[in-house]
Structures are given as structure tokens and as C-alpha cells.
Amino acid sequence: MSEKRLAVLSIIVEDRSASAEINALLSEFGDFIVGRMGVPYREKKVSVMSVIVDAPTELINTLTGKIGMIAGVTAKTLMSKV
């Protein structure tokens, strides 16, 4: 695996029924998660999550891809250069 990098996963959940699947994936990758925050935005009927990860690039991309493939969920990642 490559060198570890610090990243923030931004997740927008439009379908709350996807929450269990998201949480299962986050638990699976839990050893690499530094912290997470979720905020329900009731006015727009979505939830917004930020997940801080310290992991190899491949693992970060894998997690982001798996979350992004869940119906009703959008995921993007911002990685540090260090």
C-alpha cells in the first residue's frame, strides 16, 4: 500500500434508508477514521457528513467509491498533499 494521507470525505445523503449501509462501510474502515460529523439538514431533507480519514490513497478511494455507489448518496474526497 502507498503512504498514508489525510483526507476529508464529504457525503450527502438524500435517502435516509442508506444510513445503515453507510455506517456499515464506515465501521469496516473504522481503523482509519480520525473523526466524523453528521448534520441533518431537515429543511432540505438531506444529511451532510464529514469523515476525516488517515489512510493509504487506495483505501480512501475505495471507501469513497463504495459510499458513492449507494443509491441516494453522493461522496467526494479532498486529500492533503502531505
PDB file of N, CA and C in Angstrom:
ATOM      1  N   MET A   1       0.831  -1.190   0.000  1.00  0.00           N
ATOM      2  CA  MET A   1       0.000   0.000   0.000  1.00  0.00           C
ATOM      3  C   MET A   1       0.874   1.251   0.000  1.00  0.00           C
ATOM      4  N   SER A   2       0.301   2.318  -0.477  1.00  0.00           N
ATOM      5  CA  SER A   2       1.043   3.574  -0.569  1.00  0.00           C
ATOM      6  C   SER A   2       1.096   4.274   0.792  1.00  0.00           C
ATOM      7  N   GLU A   3       1.800   5.374   0.802  1.00  0.00           N
ATOM      8  CA  GLU A   3       1.923   6.193   2.000  1.00  0.00           C
ATOM      9  C   GLU A   3       0.556   6.700   2.438  1.00  0.00           C
ATOM     10  N   LYS A   4       0.375   6.849   3.744  1.00  0.00           N
ATOM     11  CA  LYS A   4      -0.904   7.338   4.271  1.00  0.00           C
ATOM     12  C   LYS A   4      -1.067   8.830   3.991  1.00  0.00           C
ATOM     13  N   ARG A   5      -2.316   9.220   3.774  1.00  0.00           N
ATOM     14  CA  ARG A   5      -2.637  10.628   3.552  1.00  0.00           C
ATOM     15  C   ARG A   5      -3.841  11.000   4.394  1.00  0.00           C
ATOM     16  N   LEU A   6      -3.929  12.253   4.721  1.00  0.00           N
ATOM     17  CA  LEU A   6      -5.062  12.778   5.465  1.00  0.00           C
ATOM     18  C   LEU A   6      -6.101  13.250   4.459  1.00  0.00           C
ATOM     19  N   ALA A   7      -7.360  12.877   4.691  1.00  0.00           N
ATOM     20  CA  ALA A   7      -8.417  13.254   3.748  1.00  0.00           C
ATOM     21  C   ALA A   7      -9.711  13.536   4.496  1.00  0.00           C
ATOM     22  N   VAL A   8     -10.584  14.281   3.829  1.00  0.00           N
ATOM     23  CA  VAL A   8     -11.933  14.526   4.335  1.00  0.00           C
ATOM     24  C   VAL A   8     -12.906  14.008   3.293  1.00  0.00           C
ATOM     25  N   LEU A   9     -13.760  13.084   3.703  1.00  0.00           N
ATOM     26  CA  LEU A   9     -14.827  12.597   2.831  1.00  0.00           C
ATOM     27  C   LEU A   9     -16.062  13.434   3.105  1.00  0.00           C
ATOM     28  N   SER A  10     -16.618  14.012   2.061  1.00  0.00           N
ATOM     29  CA  SER A  10     -17.867  14.766   2.166  1.00  0.00           C
ATOM     30  C   SER A  10     -18.964  13.893   1.589  1.00  0.00           C
ATOM     31  N   ILE A  11     -19.990  13.679   2.388  1.00  0.00           N
ATOM     32  CA  ILE A  11     -21.064  12.774   1.992  1.00  0.00           C
ATOM     33  C   ILE A  11     -22.399  13.486   2.137  1.00  0.00           C
ATOM     34  N   ILE A  12     -23.205  13.445   1.084  1.00  0.00           N
ATOM     35  CA  ILE A  12     -24.564  13.977   1.150  1.00  0.00           C
ATOM     36  C   ILE A  12     -25.518  12.808   0.977  1.00  0.00           C
ATOM     37  N   VAL A  13     -26.399  12.649   1.957  1.00  0.00           N
ATOM     38  CA  VAL A  13     -27.340  11.535   1.965  1.00  0.00           C
ATOM     39  C   VAL A  13     -28.739  12.077   1.678  1.00  0.00           C
ATOM     40  N   GLU A  14     -29.266  11.731   0.504  1.00  0.00           N
ATOM     41  CA  GLU A  14     -30.610  12.170   0.117  1.00  0.00           C
ATOM     42  C   GLU A  14     -31.663  11.132   0.478  1.00  0.00           C
ATOM     43  N   ASP A  15     -31.231   9.904   0.703  1.00  0.00           N
ATOM     44  CA  ASP A  15     -32.146   8.810   1.051  1.00  0.00           C
ATOM     45  C   ASP A  15     -31.707   8.231   2.388  1.00  0.00           C
ATOM     46  N   ARG A  16     -32.444   8.555   3.443  1.00  0.00           N
ATOM     47  CA  ARG A  16     -32.055   8.137   4.793  1.00  0.00           C
ATOM     48  C   ARG A  16     -31.997   6.626   4.959  1.00  0.00           C
ATOM     49  N   SER A  17     -32.664   5.883   4.103  1.00  0.00           N
ATOM     50  CA  SER A  17     -32.601   4.429   4.224  1.00  0.00           C
ATOM     51  C   SER A  17     -31.203   3.896   3.911  1.00  0.00           C
ATOM     52  N   ALA A  18     -30.346   4.734   3.349  1.00  0.00           N
ATOM     53  CA  ALA A  18     -28.970   4.340   3.045  1.00  0.00           C
ATOM     54  C   ALA A  18     -28.054   4.434   4.263  1.00  0.00           C
ATOM     55  N   SER A  19     -28.551   4.989   5.353  1.00  0.00           N
ATOM     56  CA  SER A  19     -27.719   5.226   6.536  1.00  0.00           C
ATOM     57  C   SER A  19     -27.072   3.964   7.080  1.00  0.00           C
ATOM     58  N   ALA A  20     -27.806   2.880   7.143  1.00  0.00           N
ATOM     59  CA  ALA A  20     -27.256   1.630   7.683  1.00  0.00           C
ATOM     60  C   ALA A  20     -26.095   1.127   6.832  1.00  0.00           C
ATOM     61  N   GLU A  21     -26.226   1.231   5.515  1.00  0.00           N
ATOM     62  CA  GLU A  21     -25.163   0.782   4.614  1.00  0.00           C
ATOM     63  C   GLU A  21     -23.924   1.674   4.737  1.00  0.00           C
ATOM     64  N   ILE A  22     -24.142   2.976   4.868  1.00  0.00           N
ATOM     65  CA  ILE A  22     -23.031   3.909   5.057  1.00  0.00           C
ATOM     66  C   ILE A  22     -22.310   3.600   6.358  1.00  0.00           C
ATOM     67  N   ASN A  23     -23.061   3.441   7.431  1.00  0.00           N
ATOM     68  CA  ASN A  23     -22.457   3.161   8.732  1.00  0.00           C
ATOM     69  C   ASN A  23     -21.708   1.835   8.731  1.00  0.00           C
ATOM     70  N   ALA A  24     -22.210   0.839   8.017  1.00  0.00           N
ATOM     71  CA  ALA A  24     -21.511  -0.446   7.927  1.00  0.00           C
ATOM     72  C   ALA A  24     -20.159  -0.272   7.242  1.00  0.00           C
ATOM     73  N   LEU A  25     -20.120   0.516   6.172  1.00  0.00           N
ATOM     74  CA  LEU A  25     -18.845   0.770   5.475  1.00  0.00           C
ATOM     75  C   LEU A  25     -17.886   1.563   6.360  1.00  0.00           C
ATOM     76  N   LEU A  26     -18.401   2.565   7.049  1.00  0.00           N
ATOM     77  CA  LEU A  26     -17.541   3.348   7.930  1.00  0.00           C
ATOM     78  C   LEU A  26     -16.988   2.483   9.054  1.00  0.00           C
ATOM     79  N   SER A  27     -17.775   1.553   9.553  1.00  0.00           N
ATOM     80  CA  SER A  27     -17.288   0.632  10.584  1.00  0.00           C
ATOM     81  C   SER A  27     -16.209  -0.286  10.027  1.00  0.00           C
ATOM     82  N   GLU A  28     -16.406  -0.749   8.800  1.00  0.00           N
ATOM     83  CA  GLU A  28     -15.435  -1.625   8.144  1.00  0.00           C
ATOM     84  C   GLU A  28     -14.066  -0.940   8.012  1.00  0.00           C
ATOM     85  N   PHE A  29     -14.082   0.368   7.776  1.00  0.00           N
ATOM     86  CA  PHE A  29     -12.850   1.139   7.601  1.00  0.00           C
ATOM     87  C   PHE A  29     -12.506   1.933   8.864  1.00  0.00           C
ATOM     88  N   GLY A  30     -13.120   1.569   9.970  1.00  0.00           N
ATOM     89  CA  GLY A  30     -13.018   2.325  11.220  1.00  0.00           C
ATOM     90  C   GLY A  30     -11.615   2.545  11.747  1.00  0.00           C
ATOM     91  N   ASP A  31     -10.689   1.628  11.482  1.00  0.00           N
ATOM     92  CA  ASP A  31      -9.321   1.791  11.973  1.00  0.00           C
ATOM     93  C   ASP A  31      -8.624   3.006  11.364  1.00  0.00           C
ATOM     94  N   PHE A  32      -9.148   3.519  10.260  1.00  0.00           N
ATOM     95  CA  PHE A  32      -8.516   4.633   9.559  1.00  0.00           C
ATOM     96  C   PHE A  32      -9.258   5.964   9.785  1.00  0.00           C
ATOM     97  N   ILE A  33     -10.385   5.907  10.478  1.00  0.00           N
ATOM     98  CA  ILE A  33     -11.201   7.109  10.676  1.00  0.00           C
ATOM     99  C   ILE A  33     -10.729   7.857  11.911  1.00  0.00           C
ATOM    100  N   VAL A  34     -10.410   9.134  11.717  1.00  0.00           N
ATOM    101  CA  VAL A  34      -9.958  10.001  12.798  1.00  0.00           C
ATOM    102  C   VAL A  34     -11.167  10.595  13.512  1.00  0.00           C
ATOM    103  N   GLY A  35     -12.189  10.968  12.756  1.00  0.00           N
ATOM    104  CA  GLY A  35     -13.393  11.560  13.331  1.00  0.00           C
ATOM    105  C   GLY A  35     -14.461  11.710  12.274  1.00  0.00           C
ATOM    106  N   ARG A  36     -15.684  11.902  12.739  1.00  0.00           N
ATOM    107  CA  ARG A  36     -16.788  12.084  11.804  1.00  0.00           C
ATOM    108  C   ARG A  36     -17.848  12.972  12.418  1.00  0.00           C
ATOM    109  N   MET A  37     -18.582  13.667  11.549  1.00  0.00           N
ATOM    110  CA  MET A  37     -19.656  14.542  11.988  1.00  0.00           C
ATOM    111  C   MET A  37     -20.789  14.427  10.978  1.00  0.00           C
ATOM    112  N   GLY A  38     -21.976  14.289  11.477  1.00  0.00           N
ATOM    113  CA  GLY A  38     -23.145  14.242  10.610  1.00  0.00           C
ATOM    114  C   GLY A  38     -24.159  15.276  11.052  1.00  0.00           C
ATOM    115  N   VAL A  39     -24.712  15.992  10.088  1.00  0.00           N
ATOM    116  CA  VAL A  39     -25.689  17.036  10.394  1.00  0.00           C
ATOM    117  C   VAL A  39     -26.925  16.829   9.532  1.00  0.00           C
ATOM    118  N   PRO A  40     -28.078  16.602  10.157  1.00  0.00           N
ATOM    119  CA  PRO A  40     -29.304  16.523   9.362  1.00  0.00           C
ATOM    120  C   PRO A  40     -29.739  17.932   8.959  1.00  0.00           C
ATOM    121  N   TYR A  41     -30.016  18.121   7.690  1.00  0.00           N
ATOM    122  CA  TYR A  41     -30.490  19.414   7.189  1.00  0.00           C
ATOM    123  C   TYR A  41     -31.954  19.202   6.832  1.00  0.00           C
ATOM    124  N   ARG A  42     -32.788  19.305   7.845  1.00  0.00           N
ATOM    125  CA  ARG A  42     -34.209  18.959   7.717  1.00  0.00           C
ATOM    126  C   ARG A  42     -34.928  19.787   6.656  1.00  0.00           C
ATOM    127  N   GLU A  43     -34.556  21.043   6.545  1.00  0.00           N
ATOM    128  CA  GLU A  43     -35.194  21.937   5.577  1.00  0.00           C
ATOM    129  C   GLU A  43     -35.064  21.405   4.146  1.00  0.00           C
ATOM    130  N   LYS A  44     -33.914  20.802   3.841  1.00  0.00           N
ATOM    131  CA  LYS A  44     -33.656  20.256   2.506  1.00  0.00           C
ATOM    132  C   LYS A  44     -33.887  18.746   2.441  1.00  0.00           C
ATOM    133  N   LYS A  45     -34.197  18.134   3.599  1.00  0.00           N
ATOM    134  CA  LYS A  45     -34.442  16.692   3.695  1.00  0.00           C
ATOM    135  C   LYS A  45     -33.229  15.869   3.245  1.00  0.00           C
ATOM    136  N   VAL A  46     -32.048  16.318   3.680  1.00  0.00           N
ATOM    137  CA  VAL A  46     -30.804  15.590   3.426  1.00  0.00           C
ATOM    138  C   VAL A  46     -29.990  15.573   4.716  1.00  0.00           C
ATOM    139  N   SER A  47     -28.975  14.728   4.752  1.00  0.00           N
ATOM    140  CA  SER A  47     -27.984  14.747   5.827  1.00  0.00           C
ATOM    141  C   SER A  47     -26.626  14.975   5.177  1.00  0.00           C
ATOM    142  N   VAL A  48     -25.778  15.720   5.869  1.00  0.00           N
ATOM    143  CA  VAL A  48     -24.449  16.015   5.367  1.00  0.00           C
ATOM    144  C   VAL A  48     -23.446  15.458   6.376  1.00  0.00           C
ATOM    145  N   MET A  49     -22.486  14.682   5.872  1.00  0.00           N
ATOM    146  CA  MET A  49     -21.482  14.082   6.741  1.00  0.00           C
ATOM    147  C   MET A  49     -20.086  14.496   6.295  1.00  0.00           C
ATOM    148  N   SER A  50     -19.207  14.655   7.277  1.00  0.00           N
ATOM    149  CA  SER A  50     -17.781  14.853   7.029  1.00  0.00           C
ATOM    150  C   SER A  50     -17.051  13.767   7.803  1.00  0.00           C
ATOM    151  N   VAL A  51     -16.171  13.066   7.120  1.00  0.00           N
ATOM    152  CA  VAL A  51     -15.413  11.986   7.747  1.00  0.00           C
ATOM    153  C   VAL A  51     -13.935  12.249   7.501  1.00  0.00           C
ATOM    154  N   ILE A  52     -13.162  12.361   8.572  1.00  0.00           N
ATOM    155  CA  ILE A  52     -11.720  12.579   8.468  1.00  0.00           C
ATOM    156  C   ILE A  52     -11.045  11.215   8.498  1.00  0.00           C
ATOM    157  N   VAL A  53     -10.188  10.974   7.492  1.00  0.00           N
ATOM    158  CA  VAL A  53      -9.543   9.673   7.329  1.00  0.00           C
ATOM    159  C   VAL A  53      -8.040   9.867   7.193  1.00  0.00           C
ATOM    160  N   ASP A  54      -7.279   8.977   7.824  1.00  0.00           N
ATOM    161  CA  ASP A  54      -5.824   8.938   7.673  1.00  0.00           C
ATOM    162  C   ASP A  54      -5.494   7.530   7.194  1.00  0.00           C
ATOM    163  N   ALA A  55      -5.273   7.391   5.883  1.00  0.00           N
ATOM    164  CA  ALA A  55      -5.151   6.058   5.287  1.00  0.00           C
ATOM    165  C   ALA A  55      -4.388   6.135   3.967  1.00  0.00           C
ATOM    166  N   PRO A  56      -3.980   4.973   3.448  1.00  0.00           N
ATOM    167  CA  PRO A  56      -3.377   4.955   2.116  1.00  0.00           C
ATOM    168  C   PRO A  56      -4.381   5.455   1.061  1.00  0.00           C
ATOM    169  N   THR A  57      -3.855   6.088   0.032  1.00  0.00           N
ATOM    170  CA  THR A  57      -4.698   6.658  -1.023  1.00  0.00           C
ATOM    171  C   THR A  57      -5.669   5.639  -1.605  1.00  0.00           C
ATOM    172  N   GLU A  58      -5.197   4.433  -1.867  1.00  0.00           N
ATOM    173  CA  GLU A  58      -6.054   3.402  -2.461  1.00  0.00           C
ATOM    174  C   GLU A  58      -7.247   3.083  -1.567  1.00  0.00           C
ATOM    175  N   LEU A  59      -6.997   3.029  -0.262  1.00  0.00           N
ATOM    176  CA  LEU A  59      -8.072   2.726   0.675  1.00  0.00           C
ATOM    177  C   LEU A  59      -9.087   3.866   0.719  1.00  0.00           C
ATOM    178  N   ILE A  60      -8.605   5.106   0.716  1.00  0.00           N
ATOM    179  CA  ILE A  60      -9.502   6.267   0.715  1.00  0.00           C
ATOM    180  C   ILE A  60     -10.377   6.243  -0.537  1.00  0.00           C
ATOM    181  N   ASN A  61      -9.760   5.976  -1.680  1.00  0.00           N
ATOM    182  CA  ASN A  61     -10.523   5.916  -2.933  1.00  0.00           C
ATOM    183  C   ASN A  61     -11.540   4.776  -2.918  1.00  0.00           C
ATOM    184  N   THR A  62     -11.156   3.650  -2.334  1.00  0.00           N
ATOM    185  CA  THR A  62     -12.073   2.514  -2.243  1.00  0.00           C
ATOM    186  C   THR A  62     -13.289   2.867  -1.389  1.00  0.00           C
ATOM    187  N   LEU A  63     -13.040   3.455  -0.230  1.00  0.00           N
ATOM    188  CA  LEU A  63     -14.147   3.835   0.657  1.00  0.00           C
ATOM    189  C   LEU A  63     -15.054   4.853  -0.013  1.00  0.00           C
ATOM    190  N   THR A  64     -14.468   5.883  -0.614  1.00  0.00           N
ATOM    191  CA  THR A  64     -15.269   6.908  -1.293  1.00  0.00           C
ATOM    192  C   THR A  64     -16.099   6.295  -2.418  1.00  0.00           C
ATOM    193  N   GLY A  65     -15.494   5.415  -3.195  1.00  0.00           N
ATOM    194  CA  GLY A  65     -16.201   4.767  -4.297  1.00  0.00           C
ATOM    195  C   GLY A  65     -17.355   3.909  -3.817  1.00  0.00           C
ATOM    196  N   LYS A  66     -17.130   3.128  -2.757  1.00  0.00           N
ATOM    197  CA  LYS A  66     -18.195   2.270  -2.233  1.00  0.00           C
ATOM    198  C   LYS A  66     -19.356   3.084  -1.689  1.00  0.00           C
ATOM    199  N   ILE A  67     -19.039   4.161  -0.978  1.00  0.00           N
ATOM    200  CA  ILE A  67     -20.111   5.016  -0.446  1.00  0.00           C
ATOM    201  C   ILE A  67     -20.841   5.702  -1.592  1.00  0.00           C
ATOM    202  N   GLY A  68     -20.098   6.183  -2.582  1.00  0.00           N
ATOM    203  CA  GLY A  68     -20.709   6.883  -3.715  1.00  0.00           C
ATOM    204  C   GLY A  68     -21.591   6.002  -4.583  1.00  0.00           C
ATOM    205  N   MET A  69     -21.399   4.684  -4.508  1.00  0.00           N
ATOM    206  CA  MET A  69     -22.228   3.768  -5.298  1.00  0.00           C
ATOM    207  C   MET A  69     -23.574   3.460  -4.650  1.00  0.00           C
ATOM    208  N   ILE A  70     -23.757   3.885  -3.408  1.00  0.00           N
ATOM    209  CA  ILE A  70     -25.021   3.652  -2.714  1.00  0.00           C
ATOM    210  C   ILE A  70     -26.072   4.597  -3.295  1.00  0.00           C
ATOM    211  N   ALA A  71     -27.228   4.060  -3.614  1.00  0.00           N
ATOM    212  CA  ALA A  71     -28.310   4.872  -4.178  1.00  0.00           C
ATOM    213  C   ALA A  71     -28.720   5.976  -3.199  1.00  0.00           C
ATOM    214  N   GLY A  72     -28.876   7.183  -3.719  1.00  0.00           N
ATOM    215  CA  GLY A  72     -29.309   8.309  -2.892  1.00  0.00           C
ATOM    216  C   GLY A  72     -28.180   8.957  -2.105  1.00  0.00           C
ATOM    217  N   VAL A  73     -26.926   8.610  -2.445  1.00  0.00           N
ATOM    218  CA  VAL A  73     -25.768   9.130  -1.709  1.00  0.00           C
ATOM    219  C   VAL A  73     -24.743   9.682  -2.698  1.00  0.00           C
ATOM    220  N   THR A  74     -24.152  10.833  -2.346  1.00  0.00           N
ATOM    221  CA  THR A  74     -23.066  11.415  -3.124  1.00  0.00           C
ATOM    222  C   THR A  74     -21.861  11.532  -2.211  1.00  0.00           C
ATOM    223  N   ALA A  75     -20.673  11.159  -2.691  1.00  0.00           N
ATOM    224  CA  ALA A  75     -19.461  11.225  -1.879  1.00  0.00           C
ATOM    225  C   ALA A  75     -18.311  11.793  -2.709  1.00  0.00           C
ATOM    226  N   LYS A  76     -17.570  12.686  -2.113  1.00  0.00           N
ATOM    227  CA  LYS A  76     -16.380  13.282  -2.718  1.00  0.00           C
ATOM    228  C   LYS A  76     -15.284  13.352  -1.667  1.00  0.00           C
ATOM    229  N   THR A  77     -14.033  13.380  -2.101  1.00  0.00           N
ATOM    230  CA  THR A  77     -12.914  13.405  -1.167  1.00  0.00           C
ATOM    231  C   THR A  77     -11.966  14.547  -1.474  1.00  0.00           C
ATOM    232  N   LEU A  78     -11.476  15.157  -0.425  1.00  0.00           N
ATOM    233  CA  LEU A  78     -10.431  16.152  -0.512  1.00  0.00           C
ATOM    234  C   LEU A  78      -9.234  15.585   0.240  1.00  0.00           C
ATOM    235  N   MET A  79      -8.099  15.419  -0.471  1.00  0.00           N
ATOM    236  CA  MET A  79      -6.904  14.843   0.156  1.00  0.00           C
ATOM    237  C   MET A  79      -5.838  15.907   0.360  1.00  0.00           C
ATOM    238  N   SER A  80      -5.112  15.764   1.471  1.00  0.00           N
ATOM    239  CA  SER A  80      -3.986  16.659   1.741  1.00  0.00           C
ATOM    240  C   SER A  80      -2.825  16.269   0.822  1.00  0.00           C
ATOM    241  N   LYS A  81      -1.889  17.156   0.699  1.00  0.00           N
ATOM    242  CA  LYS A  81      -0.699  16.870  -0.102  1.00  0.00           C
ATOM    243  C   LYS A  81       0.383  16.205   0.728  1.00  0.00           C
ATOM    244  N   VAL A  82       0.163  16.113   2.035  1.00  0.00           N
ATOM    245  CA  VAL A  82       1.160  15.507   2.937  1.00  0.00           C
ATOM    246  C   VAL A  82       0.689  14.147   3.417  1.00  0.00           C
TER     247      VAL A  82
END
